[in-house]
Amino acid sequence: MSVESTEILDEYARNLIAELTVNARASYAELGRKVGLSPSAAAERVKRMEEEGIIRGYSVEIDPAVLGVGLLAVIRMTCDGTHYQAFLKFMKTLREVRICHHVTGSDAFSLEVAVGSLIELERLIERLLPYGIPTTSLVLSTPVERRGPDLERLKAAPGR
């Protein structure tokens, strides 16, 4: 984040981000009303935060089960240096991989994958074997869903 981008994180900007986190589909009129700006001022600030890379995008969350990929697993991967770049390239080709984290510790990567069956999971694990040693855990439930930024911290943060 540039010095210029940190300068635009005033109270209005932080409140806009907080509102967009709750409802990314809110109109500029609604956003402006909630944070005390005109619709055009709200739109201008949001656009500037997008251009600065503060707001990186918007997304939709779809229930994986609706797509037939309701079986979730976490796969921890060891991966030595000789396979590192090839592994990263391979990860980008796999639709089953929802997220891939580069981590510290004895594992090199932690993957969250979504598949339709145990057979599909087994096939995926077999495809990972040339790159390292996978250790797999099935997700039984998700008691805490994905969260946005800590809104209280965001609202309390100085304009930095």
N, C-alpha and C. Protein backbone atom coordinates (compact mmCIF):
# COMPACT_ATOMS: atom_id res chain seq x y z
N MET A 1 0.85 -1.16 0.00
CA MET A 1 0.00 0.00 0.00
C MET A 1 0.90 1.23 0.00
N SER A 2 0.62 2.18 -0.88
CA SER A 2 1.44 3.37 -0.99
C SER A 2 1.13 4.35 0.14
N VAL A 3 2.02 5.34 0.32
CA VAL A 3 1.78 6.38 1.32
C VAL A 3 0.49 7.10 0.99
N GLU A 4 0.27 7.35 -0.30
CA GLU A 4 -0.94 8.05 -0.73
C GLU A 4 -2.19 7.25 -0.35
N SER A 5 -2.14 5.93 -0.54
CA SER A 5 -3.32 5.12 -0.23
C SER A 5 -3.61 5.10 1.26
N THR A 6 -2.57 5.15 2.10
CA THR A 6 -2.83 5.16 3.54
C THR A 6 -3.42 6.50 3.97
N GLU A 7 -3.14 7.56 3.22
CA GLU A 7 -3.68 8.87 3.56
C GLU A 7 -5.18 8.95 3.33
N ILE A 8 -5.74 8.12 2.47
CA ILE A 8 -7.18 8.19 2.20
C ILE A 8 -8.00 7.34 3.15
N LEU A 9 -7.34 6.65 4.08
CA LEU A 9 -8.08 5.82 5.05
C LEU A 9 -8.52 6.66 6.25
N ASP A 10 -9.29 7.71 5.98
CA ASP A 10 -9.83 8.52 7.05
C ASP A 10 -11.08 7.84 7.61
N GLU A 11 -11.76 8.51 8.52
CA GLU A 11 -12.93 7.91 9.16
C GLU A 11 -14.02 7.56 8.14
N TYR A 12 -14.25 8.42 7.15
CA TYR A 12 -15.25 8.11 6.13
C TYR A 12 -14.89 6.84 5.36
N ALA A 13 -13.63 6.76 4.97
CA ALA A 13 -13.18 5.59 4.20
C ALA A 13 -13.32 4.31 5.03
N ARG A 14 -12.91 4.37 6.29
CA ARG A 14 -13.02 3.19 7.15
C ARG A 14 -14.48 2.79 7.34
N ASN A 15 -15.37 3.78 7.49
CA ASN A 15 -16.79 3.47 7.63
C ASN A 15 -17.37 2.91 6.33
N LEU A 16 -16.93 3.42 5.20
CA LEU A 16 -17.38 2.86 3.91
C LEU A 16 -16.95 1.40 3.79
N ILE A 17 -15.71 1.11 4.14
CA ILE A 17 -15.22 -0.27 4.08
C ILE A 17 -16.05 -1.16 5.00
N ALA A 18 -16.33 -0.66 6.20
CA ALA A 18 -17.13 -1.44 7.14
C ALA A 18 -18.51 -1.73 6.56
N GLU A 19 -19.14 -0.75 5.95
CA GLU A 19 -20.46 -0.95 5.35
C GLU A 19 -20.40 -1.91 4.16
N LEU A 20 -19.38 -1.78 3.33
CA LEU A 20 -19.23 -2.69 2.18
C LEU A 20 -18.96 -4.11 2.62
N THR A 21 -18.30 -4.27 3.75
CA THR A 21 -18.05 -5.61 4.27
C THR A 21 -19.35 -6.28 4.67
N VAL A 22 -20.28 -5.51 5.18
CA VAL A 22 -21.59 -6.04 5.57
C VAL A 22 -22.45 -6.29 4.33
N ASN A 23 -22.41 -5.35 3.36
CA ASN A 23 -23.23 -5.47 2.16
C ASN A 23 -22.50 -4.85 0.98
N ALA A 24 -21.78 -5.67 0.24
CA ALA A 24 -21.00 -5.17 -0.90
C ALA A 24 -21.89 -4.72 -2.05
N ARG A 25 -23.17 -5.05 -2.00
CA ARG A 25 -24.10 -4.65 -3.07
C ARG A 25 -24.85 -3.36 -2.74
N ALA A 26 -24.52 -2.71 -1.65
CA ALA A 26 -25.19 -1.48 -1.27
C ALA A 26 -24.97 -0.41 -2.34
N SER A 27 -26.01 0.38 -2.59
CA SER A 27 -25.89 1.47 -3.56
C SER A 27 -25.05 2.59 -2.95
N TYR A 28 -24.54 3.46 -3.80
CA TYR A 28 -23.78 4.60 -3.30
C TYR A 28 -24.67 5.52 -2.47
N ALA A 29 -25.95 5.62 -2.84
CA ALA A 29 -26.88 6.43 -2.04
C ALA A 29 -27.01 5.86 -0.63
N GLU A 30 -27.16 4.54 -0.53
CA GLU A 30 -27.27 3.89 0.78
C GLU A 30 -25.97 4.04 1.57
N LEU A 31 -24.84 3.80 0.90
CA LEU A 31 -23.55 3.95 1.57
C LEU A 31 -23.36 5.37 2.09
N GLY A 32 -23.65 6.33 1.22
CA GLY A 32 -23.49 7.73 1.61
C GLY A 32 -24.36 8.09 2.80
N ARG A 33 -25.60 7.63 2.78
CA ARG A 33 -26.53 7.91 3.87
C ARG A 33 -26.00 7.34 5.19
N LYS A 34 -25.45 6.13 5.14
CA LYS A 34 -24.98 5.48 6.37
C LYS A 34 -23.71 6.10 6.94
N VAL A 35 -22.88 6.68 6.08
CA VAL A 35 -21.61 7.23 6.58
C VAL A 35 -21.56 8.76 6.57
N GLY A 36 -22.65 9.40 6.12
CA GLY A 36 -22.69 10.85 6.15
C GLY A 36 -22.06 11.54 4.96
N LEU A 37 -22.15 10.90 3.78
CA LEU A 37 -21.64 11.50 2.55
C LEU A 37 -22.74 11.53 1.49
N SER A 38 -22.56 12.37 0.48
CA SER A 38 -23.47 12.34 -0.66
C SER A 38 -23.19 11.07 -1.46
N PRO A 39 -24.16 10.63 -2.28
CA PRO A 39 -23.91 9.44 -3.12
C PRO A 39 -22.68 9.61 -4.01
N SER A 40 -22.49 10.81 -4.58
CA SER A 40 -21.34 11.01 -5.47
C SER A 40 -20.03 10.98 -4.69
N ALA A 41 -20.02 11.53 -3.48
CA ALA A 41 -18.80 11.49 -2.66
C ALA A 41 -18.49 10.06 -2.23
N ALA A 42 -19.52 9.30 -1.89
CA ALA A 42 -19.31 7.89 -1.52
C ALA A 42 -18.74 7.13 -2.71
N ALA A 43 -19.32 7.35 -3.90
CA ALA A 43 -18.85 6.67 -5.11
C ALA A 43 -17.40 7.03 -5.41
N GLU A 44 -17.08 8.31 -5.29
CA GLU A 44 -15.71 8.77 -5.57
C GLU A 44 -14.71 8.13 -4.60
N ARG A 45 -15.05 8.06 -3.33
CA ARG A 45 -14.15 7.48 -2.35
C ARG A 45 -13.97 5.98 -2.57
N VAL A 46 -15.07 5.27 -2.87
CA VAL A 46 -14.97 3.84 -3.13
C VAL A 46 -14.10 3.60 -4.37
N LYS A 47 -14.33 4.37 -5.43
CA LYS A 47 -13.55 4.21 -6.65
C LYS A 47 -12.06 4.47 -6.38
N ARG A 48 -11.76 5.48 -5.59
CA ARG A 48 -10.36 5.77 -5.28
C ARG A 48 -9.73 4.63 -4.48
N MET A 49 -10.49 4.07 -3.53
CA MET A 49 -9.94 2.94 -2.76
C MET A 49 -9.74 1.72 -3.64
N GLU A 50 -10.59 1.55 -4.65
CA GLU A 50 -10.39 0.45 -5.61
C GLU A 50 -9.12 0.70 -6.43
N GLU A 51 -8.96 1.92 -6.92
CA GLU A 51 -7.78 2.26 -7.73
C GLU A 51 -6.49 2.12 -6.93
N GLU A 52 -6.53 2.43 -5.64
CA GLU A 52 -5.35 2.32 -4.78
C GLU A 52 -5.07 0.89 -4.34
N GLY A 53 -6.00 -0.02 -4.62
CA GLY A 53 -5.82 -1.41 -4.21
C GLY A 53 -6.21 -1.69 -2.78
N ILE A 54 -6.82 -0.71 -2.12
CA ILE A 54 -7.31 -0.94 -0.76
C ILE A 54 -8.50 -1.89 -0.82
N ILE A 55 -9.43 -1.60 -1.72
CA ILE A 55 -10.53 -2.53 -2.01
C ILE A 55 -10.08 -3.31 -3.24
N ARG A 56 -9.85 -4.61 -3.06
CA ARG A 56 -9.29 -5.43 -4.14
C ARG A 56 -10.34 -6.11 -4.99
N GLY A 57 -11.58 -6.12 -4.55
CA GLY A 57 -12.61 -6.75 -5.36
C GLY A 57 -13.83 -7.09 -4.55
N TYR A 58 -14.79 -7.67 -5.22
CA TYR A 58 -16.04 -8.08 -4.61
C TYR A 58 -16.29 -9.51 -5.05
N SER A 59 -16.98 -10.27 -4.21
CA SER A 59 -17.19 -11.67 -4.58
C SER A 59 -18.56 -12.14 -4.13
N VAL A 60 -18.92 -13.30 -4.63
CA VAL A 60 -20.16 -13.95 -4.24
C VAL A 60 -19.78 -15.29 -3.62
N GLU A 61 -20.48 -15.69 -2.57
CA GLU A 61 -20.22 -16.98 -1.94
C GLU A 61 -21.31 -17.95 -2.36
N ILE A 62 -20.90 -19.09 -2.86
CA ILE A 62 -21.83 -20.11 -3.33
C ILE A 62 -21.64 -21.35 -2.48
N ASP A 63 -22.74 -21.97 -2.09
CA ASP A 63 -22.68 -23.20 -1.30
C ASP A 63 -22.05 -24.29 -2.15
N PRO A 64 -20.90 -24.83 -1.74
CA PRO A 64 -20.22 -25.86 -2.54
C PRO A 64 -21.09 -27.08 -2.82
N ALA A 65 -21.98 -27.42 -1.89
CA ALA A 65 -22.85 -28.59 -2.08
C ALA A 65 -23.76 -28.42 -3.28
N VAL A 66 -24.18 -27.18 -3.56
CA VAL A 66 -25.04 -26.91 -4.71
C VAL A 66 -24.30 -27.24 -6.01
N LEU A 67 -22.99 -27.07 -6.00
CA LEU A 67 -22.17 -27.36 -7.18
C LEU A 67 -21.71 -28.81 -7.22
N GLY A 68 -22.14 -29.60 -6.24
CA GLY A 68 -21.75 -31.01 -6.21
C GLY A 68 -20.36 -31.24 -5.66
N VAL A 69 -19.84 -30.28 -4.93
CA VAL A 69 -18.51 -30.43 -4.33
C VAL A 69 -18.58 -30.14 -2.84
N GLY A 70 -19.48 -30.85 -2.16
CA GLY A 70 -19.74 -30.59 -0.75
C GLY A 70 -18.78 -31.24 0.22
N LEU A 71 -17.85 -32.04 -0.26
CA LEU A 71 -16.87 -32.68 0.62
C LEU A 71 -15.64 -31.78 0.70
N LEU A 72 -15.38 -31.25 1.88
CA LEU A 72 -14.25 -30.34 2.07
C LEU A 72 -13.14 -31.06 2.82
N ALA A 73 -11.92 -30.74 2.46
CA ALA A 73 -10.76 -31.33 3.14
C ALA A 73 -9.66 -30.29 3.24
N VAL A 74 -8.82 -30.48 4.23
CA VAL A 74 -7.60 -29.68 4.38
C VAL A 74 -6.44 -30.63 4.12
N ILE A 75 -5.59 -30.24 3.19
CA ILE A 75 -4.43 -31.06 2.85
C ILE A 75 -3.18 -30.26 3.17
N ARG A 76 -2.35 -30.81 4.05
CA ARG A 76 -1.06 -30.20 4.35
C ARG A 76 -0.03 -30.89 3.47
N MET A 77 0.83 -30.10 2.85
CA MET A 77 1.81 -30.64 1.91
C MET A 77 3.23 -30.30 2.32
N THR A 78 4.09 -31.32 2.31
CA THR A 78 5.52 -31.05 2.34
C THR A 78 5.91 -30.85 0.88
N CYS A 79 6.95 -30.11 0.65
CA CYS A 79 7.37 -29.87 -0.74
C CYS A 79 8.80 -29.35 -0.69
N ASP A 80 9.74 -30.13 -1.22
CA ASP A 80 11.13 -29.65 -1.18
C ASP A 80 11.35 -28.62 -2.27
N GLY A 81 12.47 -27.94 -2.18
CA GLY A 81 12.75 -26.83 -3.08
C GLY A 81 12.76 -27.18 -4.55
N THR A 82 13.09 -28.42 -4.89
CA THR A 82 13.16 -28.79 -6.31
C THR A 82 11.77 -28.86 -6.94
N HIS A 83 10.73 -29.04 -6.14
CA HIS A 83 9.37 -29.15 -6.67
C HIS A 83 8.52 -27.91 -6.43
N TYR A 84 9.08 -26.94 -5.74
CA TYR A 84 8.32 -25.77 -5.28
C TYR A 84 7.60 -25.04 -6.42
N GLN A 85 8.34 -24.57 -7.41
CA GLN A 85 7.73 -23.80 -8.50
C GLN A 85 6.75 -24.64 -9.31
N ALA A 86 7.10 -25.89 -9.57
CA ALA A 86 6.19 -26.77 -10.31
C ALA A 86 4.91 -26.99 -9.52
N PHE A 87 5.03 -27.13 -8.19
CA PHE A 87 3.86 -27.32 -7.35
C PHE A 87 2.94 -26.10 -7.41
N LEU A 88 3.51 -24.91 -7.29
CA LEU A 88 2.70 -23.69 -7.37
C LEU A 88 1.99 -23.57 -8.71
N LYS A 89 2.69 -23.89 -9.78
CA LYS A 89 2.08 -23.85 -11.11
C LYS A 89 0.94 -24.86 -11.19
N PHE A 90 1.15 -26.04 -10.65
CA PHE A 90 0.13 -27.09 -10.65
C PHE A 90 -1.09 -26.67 -9.83
N MET A 91 -0.87 -26.01 -8.69
CA MET A 91 -1.98 -25.57 -7.84
C MET A 91 -2.94 -24.66 -8.61
N LYS A 92 -2.38 -23.81 -9.46
CA LYS A 92 -3.20 -22.86 -10.21
C LYS A 92 -4.08 -23.53 -11.25
N THR A 93 -3.83 -24.79 -11.54
CA THR A 93 -4.63 -25.51 -12.55
C THR A 93 -5.75 -26.34 -11.93
N LEU A 94 -5.74 -26.50 -10.62
CA LEU A 94 -6.69 -27.40 -9.97
C LEU A 94 -7.94 -26.65 -9.51
N ARG A 95 -9.07 -26.98 -10.11
CA ARG A 95 -10.33 -26.35 -9.71
C ARG A 95 -10.75 -26.77 -8.30
N GLU A 96 -10.29 -27.92 -7.85
CA GLU A 96 -10.67 -28.41 -6.52
C GLU A 96 -10.05 -27.59 -5.39
N VAL A 97 -8.95 -26.92 -5.68
CA VAL A 97 -8.25 -26.14 -4.65
C VAL A 97 -8.93 -24.79 -4.49
N ARG A 98 -9.54 -24.60 -3.33
CA ARG A 98 -10.21 -23.33 -3.04
C ARG A 98 -9.23 -22.28 -2.57
N ILE A 99 -8.22 -22.72 -1.82
CA ILE A 99 -7.21 -21.79 -1.33
C ILE A 99 -5.94 -22.58 -1.05
N CYS A 100 -4.81 -21.94 -1.27
CA CYS A 100 -3.51 -22.56 -1.02
C CYS A 100 -2.67 -21.55 -0.23
N HIS A 101 -2.30 -21.93 0.98
CA HIS A 101 -1.47 -21.08 1.83
C HIS A 101 -0.05 -21.62 1.86
N HIS A 102 0.93 -20.74 1.76
CA HIS A 102 2.32 -21.09 2.02
C HIS A 102 2.51 -20.89 3.51
N VAL A 103 2.92 -21.91 4.24
CA VAL A 103 2.92 -21.86 5.70
C VAL A 103 4.30 -22.16 6.28
N THR A 104 4.45 -21.85 7.55
CA THR A 104 5.68 -22.19 8.27
C THR A 104 5.48 -23.54 8.95
N GLY A 105 6.56 -24.09 9.45
CA GLY A 105 6.48 -25.36 10.15
C GLY A 105 6.97 -26.49 9.27
N SER A 106 6.62 -27.70 9.64
CA SER A 106 7.12 -28.87 8.90
C SER A 106 6.46 -29.03 7.53
N ASP A 107 5.28 -28.42 7.34
CA ASP A 107 4.63 -28.45 6.03
C ASP A 107 4.99 -27.18 5.27
N ALA A 108 4.93 -27.26 3.96
CA ALA A 108 5.19 -26.09 3.15
C ALA A 108 3.91 -25.37 2.75
N PHE A 109 2.82 -26.15 2.57
CA PHE A 109 1.56 -25.59 2.11
C PHE A 109 0.39 -26.20 2.87
N SER A 110 -0.67 -25.41 2.97
CA SER A 110 -1.94 -25.89 3.50
C SER A 110 -3.00 -25.57 2.45
N LEU A 111 -3.70 -26.59 2.00
CA LEU A 111 -4.70 -26.42 0.95
C LEU A 111 -6.08 -26.66 1.52
N GLU A 112 -7.04 -25.89 1.08
CA GLU A 112 -8.44 -26.19 1.33
C GLU A 112 -9.01 -26.63 -0.01
N VAL A 113 -9.56 -27.83 -0.04
CA VAL A 113 -10.07 -28.38 -1.29
C VAL A 113 -11.54 -28.75 -1.14
N ALA A 114 -12.26 -28.70 -2.25
CA ALA A 114 -13.67 -29.11 -2.29
C ALA A 114 -13.83 -30.10 -3.43
N VAL A 115 -14.35 -31.27 -3.09
CA VAL A 115 -14.56 -32.33 -4.08
C VAL A 115 -15.96 -32.92 -3.89
N GLY A 116 -16.36 -33.75 -4.84
CA GLY A 116 -17.69 -34.33 -4.78
C GLY A 116 -17.78 -35.66 -4.07
N SER A 117 -16.65 -36.32 -3.87
CA SER A 117 -16.70 -37.65 -3.25
C SER A 117 -15.33 -38.03 -2.71
N LEU A 118 -15.31 -39.09 -1.93
CA LEU A 118 -14.03 -39.61 -1.43
C LEU A 118 -13.17 -40.12 -2.58
N ILE A 119 -13.79 -40.66 -3.60
CA ILE A 119 -13.03 -41.13 -4.77
C ILE A 119 -12.31 -39.95 -5.43
N GLU A 120 -13.01 -38.83 -5.59
CA GLU A 120 -12.38 -37.64 -6.17
C GLU A 120 -11.24 -37.14 -5.29
N LEU A 121 -11.45 -37.19 -3.98
CA LEU A 121 -10.40 -36.76 -3.05
C LEU A 121 -9.18 -37.66 -3.18
N GLU A 122 -9.41 -38.95 -3.25
CA GLU A 122 -8.30 -39.90 -3.40
C GLU A 122 -7.52 -39.63 -4.68
N ARG A 123 -8.23 -39.36 -5.77
CA ARG A 123 -7.56 -39.07 -7.05
C ARG A 123 -6.74 -37.78 -6.96
N LEU A 124 -7.30 -36.79 -6.28
CA LEU A 124 -6.57 -35.54 -6.11
C LEU A 124 -5.29 -35.77 -5.30
N ILE A 125 -5.40 -36.51 -4.21
CA ILE A 125 -4.22 -36.81 -3.39
C ILE A 125 -3.16 -37.53 -4.21
N GLU A 126 -3.57 -38.45 -5.04
CA GLU A 126 -2.62 -39.18 -5.90
C GLU A 126 -1.91 -38.23 -6.85
N ARG A 127 -2.62 -37.21 -7.33
CA ARG A 127 -2.02 -36.24 -8.25
C ARG A 127 -1.01 -35.34 -7.53
N LEU A 128 -1.14 -35.22 -6.22
CA LEU A 128 -0.21 -34.39 -5.44
C LEU A 128 1.09 -35.11 -5.10
N LEU A 129 1.09 -36.42 -5.13
CA LEU A 129 2.24 -37.21 -4.69
C LEU A 129 3.57 -36.88 -5.37
N PRO A 130 3.60 -36.54 -6.67
CA PRO A 130 4.89 -36.21 -7.28
C PRO A 130 5.56 -34.96 -6.69
N TYR A 131 4.80 -34.14 -5.96
CA TYR A 131 5.32 -32.87 -5.46
C TYR A 131 5.73 -32.92 -3.99
N GLY A 132 5.31 -33.94 -3.27
CA GLY A 132 5.64 -34.02 -1.84
C GLY A 132 4.73 -35.01 -1.14
N ILE A 133 4.63 -34.86 0.17
CA ILE A 133 3.83 -35.79 0.97
C ILE A 133 2.58 -35.06 1.47
N PRO A 134 1.39 -35.48 1.01
CA PRO A 134 0.16 -34.87 1.49
C PRO A 134 -0.34 -35.55 2.76
N THR A 135 -0.85 -34.77 3.68
CA THR A 135 -1.53 -35.26 4.88
C THR A 135 -2.92 -34.63 4.87
N THR A 136 -3.95 -35.47 4.87
CA THR A 136 -5.31 -34.99 4.63
C THR A 136 -6.20 -35.12 5.85
N SER A 137 -7.01 -34.10 6.09
CA SER A 137 -8.03 -34.11 7.13
C SER A 137 -9.36 -33.73 6.48
N LEU A 138 -10.41 -34.49 6.76
CA LEU A 138 -11.74 -34.15 6.27
C LEU A 138 -12.37 -33.10 7.18
N VAL A 139 -13.09 -32.16 6.59
CA VAL A 139 -13.79 -31.14 7.36
C VAL A 139 -15.15 -31.71 7.75
N LEU A 140 -15.40 -31.81 9.05
CA LEU A 140 -16.69 -32.32 9.53
C LEU A 140 -17.74 -31.22 9.59
N SER A 141 -17.33 -30.04 10.02
CA SER A 141 -18.24 -28.89 10.07
C SER A 141 -17.40 -27.62 10.10
N THR A 142 -18.06 -26.50 9.90
CA THR A 142 -17.38 -25.21 9.91
C THR A 142 -18.09 -24.30 10.91
N PRO A 143 -17.70 -24.37 12.18
CA PRO A 143 -18.39 -23.58 13.20
C PRO A 143 -18.18 -22.07 13.07
N VAL A 144 -17.10 -21.65 12.41
CA VAL A 144 -16.85 -20.22 12.18
C VAL A 144 -16.60 -20.04 10.69
N GLU A 145 -17.52 -19.34 10.03
CA GLU A 145 -17.38 -19.10 8.59
C GLU A 145 -16.33 -18.02 8.35
N ARG A 146 -15.98 -17.87 7.08
CA ARG A 146 -15.03 -16.83 6.68
C ARG A 146 -15.53 -15.48 7.17
N ARG A 147 -14.63 -14.70 7.67
CA ARG A 147 -14.97 -13.38 8.17
C ARG A 147 -14.23 -12.32 7.38
N GLY A 148 -14.79 -11.13 7.40
CA GLY A 148 -14.11 -9.99 6.80
C GLY A 148 -13.12 -9.42 7.79
N PRO A 149 -12.65 -8.21 7.52
CA PRO A 149 -11.70 -7.59 8.44
C PRO A 149 -12.37 -7.29 9.78
N ASP A 150 -11.57 -7.13 10.81
CA ASP A 150 -12.06 -6.76 12.13
C ASP A 150 -12.57 -5.32 12.05
N LEU A 151 -13.89 -5.17 11.98
CA LEU A 151 -14.48 -3.85 11.77
C LEU A 151 -14.20 -2.89 12.92
N GLU A 152 -14.16 -3.40 14.13
CA GLU A 152 -13.86 -2.53 15.27
C GLU A 152 -12.43 -1.99 15.16
N ARG A 153 -11.51 -2.84 14.76
CA ARG A 153 -10.12 -2.41 14.59
C ARG A 153 -10.03 -1.41 13.43
N LEU A 154 -10.77 -1.69 12.36
CA LEU A 154 -10.76 -0.80 11.21
C LEU A 154 -11.31 0.57 11.59
N LYS A 155 -12.42 0.59 12.32
CA LYS A 155 -13.02 1.88 12.71
C LYS A 155 -12.14 2.64 13.70
N ALA A 156 -11.42 1.90 14.55
CA ALA A 156 -10.58 2.54 15.56
C ALA A 156 -9.21 2.95 15.03
N ALA A 157 -8.84 2.41 13.87
CA ALA A 157 -7.50 2.69 13.34
C ALA A 157 -7.37 4.16 12.98
N PRO A 158 -6.23 4.75 13.28
CA PRO A 158 -6.00 6.13 12.87
C PRO A 158 -5.90 6.19 11.35
N GLY A 159 -5.97 7.36 10.78
CA GLY A 159 -5.88 7.52 9.34
C GLY A 159 -4.59 7.00 8.76
N ARG A 160 -3.69 6.58 9.56
CA ARG A 160 -2.39 5.97 9.25
C ARG A 160 -1.68 6.82 8.25
